């Protein structure tokens, strides 16, 4: 098992009108995927979207969000690195 504390993990999510697009950078490698839009985002949906790419929200150094509905996400609390 890899030592996650040494990994550099970042993600960006675009909450579009019909699709949610995701890109991650893990140790310099970029990966993309998308999912159909399923309603306003919240922490649970962000976790599910990231899990579809085998990424855990708690492992991210940075999460950037954009798109039509990203403003409904909370920016305070445990995930202070949330950027929009």
Protein backbone atom coordinates (compact mmCIF):
# COMPACT_ATOMS: atom_id res chain seq x y z
CA UNK A 1 0.00 0.00 0.00
CA UNK A 2 1.31 3.46 -0.95
CA UNK A 3 2.04 6.05 1.71
CA UNK A 4 -0.74 8.56 0.95
CA UNK A 5 0.91 11.25 3.12
CA UNK A 6 3.63 11.66 0.46
CA UNK A 7 1.26 11.82 -2.50
CA UNK A 8 0.26 15.07 -4.16
CA UNK A 9 -3.46 14.88 -4.92
CA UNK A 10 -5.64 17.67 -6.32
CA UNK A 11 -9.00 17.68 -8.08
CA UNK A 12 -11.26 20.06 -9.97
CA UNK A 13 -14.99 19.60 -10.49
CA UNK A 14 -17.14 21.51 -13.00
CA UNK A 15 -20.81 21.31 -12.04
CA UNK A 16 -22.31 21.90 -15.48
CA UNK A 17 -25.96 22.00 -16.50
CA UNK A 18 -26.12 18.48 -17.92
CA UNK A 19 -22.82 16.87 -16.81
CA UNK A 20 -20.38 17.06 -13.95
CA UNK A 21 -16.79 16.93 -15.20
CA UNK A 22 -13.87 15.97 -12.99
CA UNK A 23 -10.13 16.11 -13.42
CA UNK A 24 -7.59 14.89 -10.88
CA UNK A 25 -3.84 15.25 -10.62
CA UNK A 26 -2.27 12.47 -8.61
CA UNK A 27 1.51 12.51 -8.40
CA UNK A 28 1.57 14.51 -11.65
CA UNK A 29 -0.76 12.20 -13.61
CA UNK A 30 -4.00 13.75 -14.94
CA UNK A 31 -7.22 11.72 -15.09
CA UNK A 32 -10.68 12.82 -16.29
CA UNK A 33 -14.21 11.48 -16.03
CA UNK A 34 -17.76 12.80 -16.01
CA UNK A 35 -21.15 11.93 -14.62
CA UNK A 36 -24.64 13.11 -15.55
CA UNK A 37 -25.87 16.05 -13.47
CA UNK A 38 -27.93 14.71 -10.56
CA UNK A 39 -28.96 17.82 -8.63
CA UNK A 40 -27.35 20.49 -6.50
CA UNK A 41 -23.96 19.46 -5.14
CA UNK A 42 -23.32 18.84 -1.45
CA UNK A 43 -20.54 17.09 0.45
CA UNK A 44 -22.07 13.65 -0.09
CA UNK A 45 -22.38 14.13 -3.85
CA UNK A 46 -18.82 15.50 -4.07
CA UNK A 47 -17.57 12.42 -2.21
CA UNK A 48 -19.54 10.14 -4.59
CA UNK A 49 -18.28 11.96 -7.69
CA UNK A 50 -14.68 11.65 -6.52
CA UNK A 51 -15.16 8.03 -5.44
CA UNK A 52 -16.15 7.21 -9.04
CA UNK A 53 -12.49 7.89 -9.83
CA UNK A 54 -11.16 6.13 -6.71
CA UNK A 55 -10.37 9.46 -5.01
CA UNK A 56 -11.20 10.21 -1.38
CA UNK A 57 -12.14 13.82 -0.60
CA UNK A 58 -10.13 13.63 2.63
CA UNK A 59 -6.94 12.86 0.68
CA UNK A 60 -7.06 16.03 -1.44
CA UNK A 61 -4.61 18.85 -0.92
CA UNK A 62 -6.83 21.10 -3.09
CA UNK A 63 -10.33 20.86 -4.54
CA UNK A 64 -11.28 23.50 -7.11
CA UNK A 65 -14.93 23.82 -8.13
CA UNK A 66 -16.68 25.76 -10.86
CA UNK A 67 -19.82 25.64 -12.97
CA UNK A 68 -23.40 26.76 -12.62
CA UNK A 69 -24.19 25.26 -9.21
CA UNK A 70 -20.83 25.25 -7.42
CA UNK A 71 -21.80 28.25 -5.28
CA UNK A 72 -24.22 26.16 -3.21
CA UNK A 73 -21.27 24.23 -1.75
CA UNK A 74 -20.00 25.22 1.70
CA UNK A 75 -16.53 26.76 1.71
CA UNK A 76 -15.90 26.73 5.45
CA UNK A 77 -15.19 23.93 7.85
CA UNK A 78 -12.93 20.96 7.39
CA UNK A 79 -12.23 21.58 3.72
CA UNK A 80 -10.69 25.03 3.86
CA UNK A 81 -8.78 24.28 0.66
CA UNK A 82 -12.02 24.42 -1.35
CA UNK A 83 -11.43 26.95 -4.12
CA UNK A 84 -13.97 28.46 -6.49
